[in-house]
């Protein structure tokens, strides 16, 4: 999967996480369901230790009320493809 496909998927998944703000009352229940699903998806999009760490952060961020505004998938994409220069040098 290309890095830009991962970015698009990540933005969509972050948007799904924001849905809980739109539905008062039911939104908190949706966070309980969405948190483990989004963490699992994170481990599938990003392999290795960094993917596992991001999944834990994602799970906690989605499970805690009021913290859903953090775009975890997009931040992980930025970490992987923009800020992590060491990993990019190895690929060349």
PDB file of N, CA and C in Angstrom:
ATOM      1  N   UNK A   1       0.846  -1.171   0.000  1.00  0.00           N
ATOM      2  CA  UNK A   1       0.000   0.000   0.000  1.00  0.00           C
ATOM      3  C   UNK A   1       0.894   1.238   0.000  1.00  0.00           C
ATOM      4  N   UNK A   2       0.554   2.188  -0.853  1.00  0.00           N
ATOM      5  CA  UNK A   2       1.387   3.385  -0.941  1.00  0.00           C
ATOM      6  C   UNK A   2       1.184   4.276   0.272  1.00  0.00           C
ATOM      7  N   UNK A   3       2.149   5.142   0.502  1.00  0.00           N
ATOM      8  CA  UNK A   3       2.057   6.002   1.675  1.00  0.00           C
ATOM      9  C   UNK A   3       0.900   6.993   1.555  1.00  0.00           C
ATOM     10  N   UNK A   4       0.543   7.392   0.346  1.00  0.00           N
ATOM     11  CA  UNK A   4      -0.567   8.333   0.187  1.00  0.00           C
ATOM     12  C   UNK A   4      -1.921   7.650   0.382  1.00  0.00           C
ATOM     13  N   UNK A   5      -2.008   6.379   0.038  1.00  0.00           N
ATOM     14  CA  UNK A   5      -3.222   5.621   0.356  1.00  0.00           C
ATOM     15  C   UNK A   5      -3.394   5.504   1.866  1.00  0.00           C
ATOM     16  N   UNK A   6      -2.276   5.289   2.576  1.00  0.00           N
ATOM     17  CA  UNK A   6      -2.336   5.229   4.032  1.00  0.00           C
ATOM     18  C   UNK A   6      -2.779   6.570   4.614  1.00  0.00           C
ATOM     19  N   UNK A   7      -2.338   7.657   4.010  1.00  0.00           N
ATOM     20  CA  UNK A   7      -2.741   8.978   4.487  1.00  0.00           C
ATOM     21  C   UNK A   7      -4.246   9.172   4.320  1.00  0.00           C
ATOM     22  N   UNK A   8      -4.768   8.828   3.159  1.00  0.00           N
ATOM     23  CA  UNK A   8      -6.204   8.974   2.902  1.00  0.00           C
ATOM     24  C   UNK A   8      -7.013   8.094   3.856  1.00  0.00           C
ATOM     25  N   UNK A   9      -6.585   6.853   4.022  1.00  0.00           N
ATOM     26  CA  UNK A   9      -7.268   5.947   4.940  1.00  0.00           C
ATOM     27  C   UNK A   9      -7.198   6.493   6.366  1.00  0.00           C
ATOM     28  N   UNK A  10      -6.043   7.008   6.742  1.00  0.00           N
ATOM     29  CA  UNK A  10      -5.876   7.563   8.086  1.00  0.00           C
ATOM     30  C   UNK A  10      -6.785   8.748   8.340  1.00  0.00           C
ATOM     31  N   UNK A  11      -6.907   9.631   7.368  1.00  0.00           N
ATOM     32  CA  UNK A  11      -7.796  10.786   7.515  1.00  0.00           C
ATOM     33  C   UNK A  11      -9.248  10.319   7.650  1.00  0.00           C
ATOM     34  N   UNK A  12      -9.633   9.338   6.864  1.00  0.00           N
ATOM     35  CA  UNK A  12     -10.996   8.800   6.960  1.00  0.00           C
ATOM     36  C   UNK A  12     -11.248   8.148   8.324  1.00  0.00           C
ATOM     37  N   UNK A  13     -10.261   7.406   8.823  1.00  0.00           N
ATOM     38  CA  UNK A  13     -10.417   6.750  10.119  1.00  0.00           C
ATOM     39  C   UNK A  13     -10.455   7.775  11.254  1.00  0.00           C
ATOM     40  N   UNK A  14      -9.669   8.834  11.146  1.00  0.00           N
ATOM     41  CA  UNK A  14      -9.746   9.909  12.136  1.00  0.00           C
ATOM     42  C   UNK A  14     -11.124  10.565  12.096  1.00  0.00           C
ATOM     43  N   UNK A  15     -11.679  10.732  10.908  1.00  0.00           N
ATOM     44  CA  UNK A  15     -13.020  11.319  10.771  1.00  0.00           C
ATOM     45  C   UNK A  15     -14.070  10.416  11.416  1.00  0.00           C
ATOM     46  N   UNK A  16     -13.922   9.108  11.269  1.00  0.00           N
ATOM     47  CA  UNK A  16     -14.852   8.176  11.911  1.00  0.00           C
ATOM     48  C   UNK A  16     -14.771   8.342  13.430  1.00  0.00           C
ATOM     49  N   UNK A  17     -13.575   8.560  13.943  1.00  0.00           N
ATOM     50  CA  UNK A  17     -13.415   8.784  15.382  1.00  0.00           C
ATOM     51  C   UNK A  17     -14.119  10.039  15.864  1.00  0.00           C
ATOM     52  N   UNK A  18     -14.274  11.022  14.991  1.00  0.00           N
ATOM     53  CA  UNK A  18     -14.945  12.270  15.354  1.00  0.00           C
ATOM     54  C   UNK A  18     -16.463  12.133  15.381  1.00  0.00           C
ATOM     55  N   UNK A  19     -17.001  11.065  14.836  1.00  0.00           N
ATOM     56  CA  UNK A  19     -18.452  10.879  14.761  1.00  0.00           C
ATOM     57  C   UNK A  19     -19.092  10.902  16.146  1.00  0.00           C
ATOM     58  N   UNK A  20     -18.356  10.479  17.163  1.00  0.00           N
ATOM     59  CA  UNK A  20     -18.933  10.435  18.505  1.00  0.00           C
ATOM     60  C   UNK A  20     -19.329  11.824  19.000  1.00  0.00           C
ATOM     61  N   UNK A  21     -18.728  12.872  18.452  1.00  0.00           N
ATOM     62  CA  UNK A  21     -19.111  14.232  18.825  1.00  0.00           C
ATOM     63  C   UNK A  21     -20.471  14.612  18.249  1.00  0.00           C
ATOM     64  N   UNK A  22     -20.864  13.971  17.179  1.00  0.00           N
ATOM     65  CA  UNK A  22     -22.111  14.327  16.506  1.00  0.00           C
ATOM     66  C   UNK A  22     -23.350  13.729  17.159  1.00  0.00           C
ATOM     67  N   UNK A  23     -23.171  12.640  17.900  1.00  0.00           N
ATOM     68  CA  UNK A  23     -24.311  11.932  18.484  1.00  0.00           C
ATOM     69  C   UNK A  23     -24.216  12.003  20.011  1.00  0.00           C
ATOM     70  N   UNK A  24     -24.853  13.000  20.630  1.00  0.00           N
ATOM     71  CA  UNK A  24     -24.791  13.104  22.094  1.00  0.00           C
ATOM     72  C   UNK A  24     -25.404  11.867  22.765  1.00  0.00           C
ATOM     73  N   UNK A  25     -24.758  11.411  23.813  1.00  0.00           N
ATOM     74  CA  UNK A  25     -25.255  10.241  24.542  1.00  0.00           C
ATOM     75  C   UNK A  25     -24.791   8.937  23.944  1.00  0.00           C
ATOM     76  N   UNK A  26     -25.119   8.701  22.707  1.00  0.00           N
ATOM     77  CA  UNK A  26     -24.722   7.471  22.020  1.00  0.00           C
ATOM     78  C   UNK A  26     -23.238   7.528  21.647  1.00  0.00           C
ATOM     79  N   UNK A  27     -22.735   8.724  21.516  1.00  0.00           N
ATOM     80  CA  UNK A  27     -21.346   8.909  21.108  1.00  0.00           C
ATOM     81  C   UNK A  27     -20.343   8.240  22.018  1.00  0.00           C
ATOM     82  N   UNK A  28     -20.568   8.323  23.318  1.00  0.00           N
ATOM     83  CA  UNK A  28     -19.633   7.693  24.262  1.00  0.00           C
ATOM     84  C   UNK A  28     -19.660   6.177  24.131  1.00  0.00           C
ATOM     85  N   UNK A  29     -20.822   5.590  23.865  1.00  0.00           N
ATOM     86  CA  UNK A  29     -20.900   4.147  23.635  1.00  0.00           C
ATOM     87  C   UNK A  29     -20.148   3.775  22.369  1.00  0.00           C
ATOM     88  N   UNK A  30     -20.256   4.604  21.339  1.00  0.00           N
ATOM     89  CA  UNK A  30     -19.546   4.308  20.093  1.00  0.00           C
ATOM     90  C   UNK A  30     -18.036   4.349  20.297  1.00  0.00           C
ATOM     91  N   UNK A  31     -17.572   5.180  21.224  1.00  0.00           N
ATOM     92  CA  UNK A  31     -16.133   5.210  21.525  1.00  0.00           C
ATOM     93  C   UNK A  31     -15.662   3.888  22.114  1.00  0.00           C
ATOM     94  N   UNK A  32     -16.495   3.270  22.935  1.00  0.00           N
ATOM     95  CA  UNK A  32     -16.139   1.983  23.544  1.00  0.00           C
ATOM     96  C   UNK A  32     -16.000   0.908  22.462  1.00  0.00           C
ATOM     97  N   UNK A  33     -16.839   0.978  21.467  1.00  0.00           N
ATOM     98  CA  UNK A  33     -16.791   0.011  20.366  1.00  0.00           C
ATOM     99  C   UNK A  33     -15.654   0.357  19.407  1.00  0.00           C
ATOM    100  N   UNK A  34     -15.475   1.645  19.111  1.00  0.00           N
ATOM    101  CA  UNK A  34     -14.498   2.070  18.111  1.00  0.00           C
ATOM    102  C   UNK A  34     -13.053   1.947  18.599  1.00  0.00           C
ATOM    103  N   UNK A  35     -12.804   2.118  19.896  1.00  0.00           N
ATOM    104  CA  UNK A  35     -11.429   2.113  20.410  1.00  0.00           C
ATOM    105  C   UNK A  35     -10.661   0.833  20.057  1.00  0.00           C
ATOM    106  N   UNK A  36     -11.176  -0.368  20.345  1.00  0.00           N
ATOM    107  CA  UNK A  36     -10.394  -1.565  19.987  1.00  0.00           C
ATOM    108  C   UNK A  36     -10.309  -1.795  18.479  1.00  0.00           C
ATOM    109  N   UNK A  37     -11.356  -1.405  17.754  1.00  0.00           N
ATOM    110  CA  UNK A  37     -11.324  -1.574  16.300  1.00  0.00           C
ATOM    111  C   UNK A  37     -10.252  -0.685  15.680  1.00  0.00           C
ATOM    112  N   UNK A  38     -10.205   0.566  16.108  1.00  0.00           N
ATOM    113  CA  UNK A  38      -9.220   1.486  15.536  1.00  0.00           C
ATOM    114  C   UNK A  38      -7.797   1.094  15.928  1.00  0.00           C
ATOM    115  N   UNK A  39      -7.621   0.582  17.138  1.00  0.00           N
ATOM    116  CA  UNK A  39      -6.290   0.122  17.549  1.00  0.00           C
ATOM    117  C   UNK A  39      -5.838  -1.064  16.689  1.00  0.00           C
ATOM    118  N   UNK A  40      -6.755  -1.973  16.414  1.00  0.00           N
ATOM    119  CA  UNK A  40      -6.422  -3.131  15.576  1.00  0.00           C
ATOM    120  C   UNK A  40      -6.056  -2.670  14.162  1.00  0.00           C
ATOM    121  N   UNK A  41      -6.830  -1.736  13.619  1.00  0.00           N
ATOM    122  CA  UNK A  41      -6.536  -1.208  12.276  1.00  0.00           C
ATOM    123  C   UNK A  41      -5.160  -0.545  12.254  1.00  0.00           C
ATOM    124  N   UNK A  42      -4.821   0.166  13.328  1.00  0.00           N
ATOM    125  CA  UNK A  42      -3.504   0.826  13.394  1.00  0.00           C
ATOM    126  C   UNK A  42      -2.382  -0.202  13.299  1.00  0.00           C
ATOM    127  N   UNK A  43      -2.531  -1.357  13.972  1.00  0.00           N
ATOM    128  CA  UNK A  43      -1.481  -2.377  13.905  1.00  0.00           C
ATOM    129  C   UNK A  43      -1.373  -2.977  12.511  1.00  0.00           C
ATOM    130  N   UNK A  44      -2.470  -2.981  11.767  1.00  0.00           N
ATOM    131  CA  UNK A  44      -2.430  -3.516  10.406  1.00  0.00           C
ATOM    132  C   UNK A  44      -1.837  -2.507   9.419  1.00  0.00           C
ATOM    133  N   UNK A  45      -2.057  -1.224   9.649  1.00  0.00           N
ATOM    134  CA  UNK A  45      -1.510  -0.201   8.750  1.00  0.00           C
ATOM    135  C   UNK A  45      -0.015   0.015   8.973  1.00  0.00           C
ATOM    136  N   UNK A  46       0.413  -0.038  10.232  1.00  0.00           N
ATOM    137  CA  UNK A  46       1.808   0.243  10.579  1.00  0.00           C
ATOM    138  C   UNK A  46       2.374  -0.928  11.363  1.00  0.00           C
ATOM    139  N   UNK A  47       3.285  -1.640  10.757  1.00  0.00           N
ATOM    140  CA  UNK A  47       3.858  -2.852  11.350  1.00  0.00           C
ATOM    141  C   UNK A  47       4.949  -2.496  12.359  1.00  0.00           C
ATOM    142  N   UNK A  48       5.328  -3.467  13.138  1.00  0.00           N
ATOM    143  CA  UNK A  48       6.451  -3.333  14.050  1.00  0.00           C
ATOM    144  C   UNK A  48       6.106  -2.639  15.353  1.00  0.00           C
ATOM    145  N   UNK A  49       7.166  -2.281  16.045  1.00  0.00           N
ATOM    146  CA  UNK A  49       7.027  -1.674  17.368  1.00  0.00           C
ATOM    147  C   UNK A  49       6.286  -0.342  17.315  1.00  0.00           C
ATOM    148  N   UNK A  50       6.595   0.490  16.336  1.00  0.00           N
ATOM    149  CA  UNK A  50       5.940   1.798  16.265  1.00  0.00           C
ATOM    150  C   UNK A  50       4.437   1.647  16.018  1.00  0.00           C
ATOM    151  N   UNK A  51       4.026   0.659  15.246  1.00  0.00           N
ATOM    152  CA  UNK A  51       2.611   0.405  15.021  1.00  0.00           C
ATOM    153  C   UNK A  51       1.903  -0.054  16.281  1.00  0.00           C
ATOM    154  N   UNK A  52       2.595  -0.873  17.083  1.00  0.00           N
ATOM    155  CA  UNK A  52       2.009  -1.345  18.339  1.00  0.00           C
ATOM    156  C   UNK A  52       1.875  -0.203  19.342  1.00  0.00           C
ATOM    157  N   UNK A  53       2.897   0.632  19.430  1.00  0.00           N
ATOM    158  CA  UNK A  53       2.841   1.782  20.335  1.00  0.00           C
ATOM    159  C   UNK A  53       1.728   2.729  19.893  1.00  0.00           C
ATOM    160  N   UNK A  54       1.636   2.984  18.603  1.00  0.00           N
ATOM    161  CA  UNK A  54       0.582   3.857  18.081  1.00  0.00           C
ATOM    162  C   UNK A  54      -0.798   3.266  18.351  1.00  0.00           C
ATOM    163  N   UNK A  55      -0.928   1.950  18.280  1.00  0.00           N
ATOM    164  CA  UNK A  55      -2.217   1.304  18.560  1.00  0.00           C
ATOM    165  C   UNK A  55      -2.634   1.503  20.008  1.00  0.00           C
ATOM    166  N   UNK A  56      -1.686   1.394  20.931  1.00  0.00           N
ATOM    167  CA  UNK A  56      -1.997   1.609  22.350  1.00  0.00           C
ATOM    168  C   UNK A  56      -2.419   3.064  22.576  1.00  0.00           C
ATOM    169  N   UNK A  57      -1.662   3.991  21.994  1.00  0.00           N
ATOM    170  CA  UNK A  57      -2.004   5.414  22.123  1.00  0.00           C
ATOM    171  C   UNK A  57      -3.376   5.673  21.513  1.00  0.00           C
ATOM    172  N   UNK A  58      -3.628   5.080  20.360  1.00  0.00           N
ATOM    173  CA  UNK A  58      -4.910   5.246  19.684  1.00  0.00           C
ATOM    174  C   UNK A  58      -6.050   4.702  20.536  1.00  0.00           C
ATOM    175  N   UNK A  59      -5.850   3.543  21.125  1.00  0.00           N
ATOM    176  CA  UNK A  59      -6.883   2.936  21.963  1.00  0.00           C
ATOM    177  C   UNK A  59      -7.218   3.838  23.148  1.00  0.00           C
ATOM    178  N   UNK A  60      -6.201   4.325  23.827  1.00  0.00           N
ATOM    179  CA  UNK A  60      -6.418   5.189  24.992  1.00  0.00           C
ATOM    180  C   UNK A  60      -7.098   6.485  24.566  1.00  0.00           C
ATOM    181  N   UNK A  61      -6.645   7.054  23.459  1.00  0.00           N
ATOM    182  CA  UNK A  61      -7.220   8.314  22.962  1.00  0.00           C
ATOM    183  C   UNK A  61      -8.691   8.152  22.606  1.00  0.00           C
ATOM    184  N   UNK A  62      -9.054   7.056  21.993  1.00  0.00           N
ATOM    185  CA  UNK A  62     -10.452   6.827  21.624  1.00  0.00           C
ATOM    186  C   UNK A  62     -11.305   6.434  22.823  1.00  0.00           C
ATOM    187  N   UNK A  63     -10.742   5.743  23.790  1.00  0.00           N
ATOM    188  CA  UNK A  63     -11.512   5.269  24.935  1.00  0.00           C
ATOM    189  C   UNK A  63     -11.799   6.381  25.945  1.00  0.00           C
ATOM    190  N   UNK A  64     -10.893   7.338  26.071  1.00  0.00           N
ATOM    191  CA  UNK A  64     -11.109   8.426  27.029  1.00  0.00           C
ATOM    192  C   UNK A  64     -12.067   9.462  26.453  1.00  0.00           C
ATOM    193  N   UNK A  65     -13.050   9.852  27.236  1.00  0.00           N
ATOM    194  CA  UNK A  65     -13.989  10.863  26.730  1.00  0.00           C
ATOM    195  C   UNK A  65     -13.326  12.234  26.613  1.00  0.00           C
ATOM    196  N   UNK A  66     -13.639  12.937  25.540  1.00  0.00           N
ATOM    197  CA  UNK A  66     -13.143  14.296  25.341  1.00  0.00           C
ATOM    198  C   UNK A  66     -11.784  14.404  24.692  1.00  0.00           C
ATOM    199  N   UNK A  67     -11.111  13.287  24.443  1.00  0.00           N
ATOM    200  CA  UNK A  67      -9.764  13.327  23.856  1.00  0.00           C
ATOM    201  C   UNK A  67      -9.802  12.919  22.384  1.00  0.00           C
ATOM    202  N   UNK A  68     -10.985  12.719  21.853  1.00  0.00           N
ATOM    203  CA  UNK A  68     -11.138  12.235  20.482  1.00  0.00           C
ATOM    204  C   UNK A  68     -10.652  13.218  19.424  1.00  0.00           C
ATOM    205  N   UNK A  69     -10.319  14.414  19.810  1.00  0.00           N
ATOM    206  CA  UNK A  69      -9.926  15.424  18.817  1.00  0.00           C
ATOM    207  C   UNK A  69      -8.521  15.200  18.277  1.00  0.00           C
ATOM    208  N   UNK A  70      -7.769  14.309  18.878  1.00  0.00           N
ATOM    209  CA  UNK A  70      -6.402  14.029  18.417  1.00  0.00           C
ATOM    210  C   UNK A  70      -6.470  13.120  17.189  1.00  0.00           C
ATOM    211  N   UNK A  71      -5.939  13.572  16.046  1.00  0.00           N
ATOM    212  CA  UNK A  71      -5.974  12.742  14.825  1.00  0.00           C
ATOM    213  C   UNK A  71      -4.829  11.723  14.818  1.00  0.00           C
ATOM    214  N   UNK A  72      -4.992  10.647  15.560  1.00  0.00           N
ATOM    215  CA  UNK A  72      -3.922   9.685  15.796  1.00  0.00           C
ATOM    216  C   UNK A  72      -3.395   9.043  14.514  1.00  0.00           C
ATOM    217  N   UNK A  73      -4.281   8.657  13.610  1.00  0.00           N
ATOM    218  CA  UNK A  73      -3.836   8.017  12.367  1.00  0.00           C
ATOM    219  C   UNK A  73      -3.005   8.982  11.517  1.00  0.00           C
ATOM    220  N   UNK A  74      -3.449  10.224  11.439  1.00  0.00           N
ATOM    221  CA  UNK A  74      -2.718  11.221  10.658  1.00  0.00           C
ATOM    222  C   UNK A  74      -1.374  11.532  11.303  1.00  0.00           C
ATOM    223  N   UNK A  75      -1.340  11.627  12.619  1.00  0.00           N
ATOM    224  CA  UNK A  75      -0.076  11.879  13.315  1.00  0.00           C
ATOM    225  C   UNK A  75       0.901  10.724  13.123  1.00  0.00           C
ATOM    226  N   UNK A  76       0.382   9.496  13.112  1.00  0.00           N
ATOM    227  CA  UNK A  76       1.250   8.340  12.879  1.00  0.00           C
ATOM    228  C   UNK A  76       1.810   8.364  11.467  1.00  0.00           C
ATOM    229  N   UNK A  77       1.000   8.772  10.505  1.00  0.00           N
ATOM    230  CA  UNK A  77       1.484   8.891   9.126  1.00  0.00           C
ATOM    231  C   UNK A  77       2.596   9.933   9.055  1.00  0.00           C
ATOM    232  N   UNK A  78       2.383  11.065   9.708  1.00  0.00           N
ATOM    233  CA  UNK A  78       3.413  12.117   9.723  1.00  0.00           C
ATOM    234  C   UNK A  78       4.697  11.617  10.377  1.00  0.00           C
ATOM    235  N   UNK A  79       4.567  10.898  11.483  1.00  0.00           N
ATOM    236  CA  UNK A  79       5.740  10.340  12.146  1.00  0.00           C
ATOM    237  C   UNK A  79       6.480   9.379  11.226  1.00  0.00           C
ATOM    238  N   UNK A  80       5.734   8.514  10.568  1.00  0.00           N
ATOM    239  CA  UNK A  80       6.345   7.474   9.741  1.00  0.00           C
ATOM    240  C   UNK A  80       6.999   8.034   8.479  1.00  0.00           C
ATOM    241  N   UNK A  81       6.331   8.953   7.804  1.00  0.00           N
ATOM    242  CA  UNK A  81       6.796   9.378   6.480  1.00  0.00           C
ATOM    243  C   UNK A  81       7.392  10.775   6.429  1.00  0.00           C
ATOM    244  N   UNK A  82       7.273  11.567   7.477  1.00  0.00           N
ATOM    245  CA  UNK A  82       7.830  12.922   7.442  1.00  0.00           C
ATOM    246  C   UNK A  82       8.922  13.099   8.488  1.00  0.00           C
ATOM    247  N   UNK A  83       8.627  12.751   9.741  1.00  0.00           N
ATOM    248  CA  UNK A  83       9.559  13.036  10.824  1.00  0.00           C
ATOM    249  C   UNK A  83      10.589  11.947  11.084  1.00  0.00           C
ATOM    250  N   UNK A  84      10.348  10.733  10.677  1.00  0.00           N
ATOM    251  CA  UNK A  84      11.255   9.619  10.936  1.00  0.00           C
ATOM    252  C   UNK A  84      12.248   9.476   9.786  1.00  0.00           C
ATOM    253  N   UNK A  85      13.214  10.369   9.731  1.00  0.00           N
ATOM    254  CA  UNK A  85      14.198  10.392   8.634  1.00  0.00           C
ATOM    255  C   UNK A  85      15.083   9.149   8.632  1.00  0.00           C
ATOM    256  N   UNK A  86      15.394   8.604   9.800  1.00  0.00           N
ATOM    257  CA  UNK A  86      16.264   7.438   9.880  1.00  0.00           C
ATOM    258  C   UNK A  86      15.660   6.262   9.124  1.00  0.00           C
ATOM    259  N   UNK A  87      14.374   6.029   9.295  1.00  0.00           N
ATOM    260  CA  UNK A  87      13.709   4.927   8.626  1.00  0.00           C
ATOM    261  C   UNK A  87      13.678   5.139   7.111  1.00  0.00           C
ATOM    262  N   UNK A  88      13.507   6.375   6.677  1.00  0.00           N
ATOM    263  CA  UNK A  88      13.458   6.671   5.238  1.00  0.00           C
ATOM    264  C   UNK A  88      14.824   6.465   4.605  1.00  0.00           C
ATOM    265  N   UNK A  89      15.905   6.759   5.318  1.00  0.00           N
ATOM    266  CA  UNK A  89      17.243   6.565   4.767  1.00  0.00           C
ATOM    267  C   UNK A  89      17.534   5.088   4.526  1.00  0.00           C
ATOM    268  N   UNK A  90      17.011   4.231   5.356  1.00  0.00           N
ATOM    269  CA  UNK A  90      17.225   2.794   5.207  1.00  0.00           C
ATOM    270  C   UNK A  90      16.546   2.280   3.943  1.00  0.00           C
ATOM    271  N   UNK A  91      15.383   2.840   3.592  1.00  0.00           N
ATOM    272  CA  UNK A  91      14.639   2.389   2.435  1.00  0.00           C
ATOM    273  C   UNK A  91      15.324   2.743   1.112  1.00  0.00           C
ATOM    274  N   UNK A  92      16.150   3.759   1.110  1.00  0.00           N
ATOM    275  CA  UNK A  92      16.785   4.209  -0.137  1.00  0.00           C
ATOM    276  C   UNK A  92      17.819   3.281  -0.613  1.00  0.00           C
TER     277      UNK A  92
END
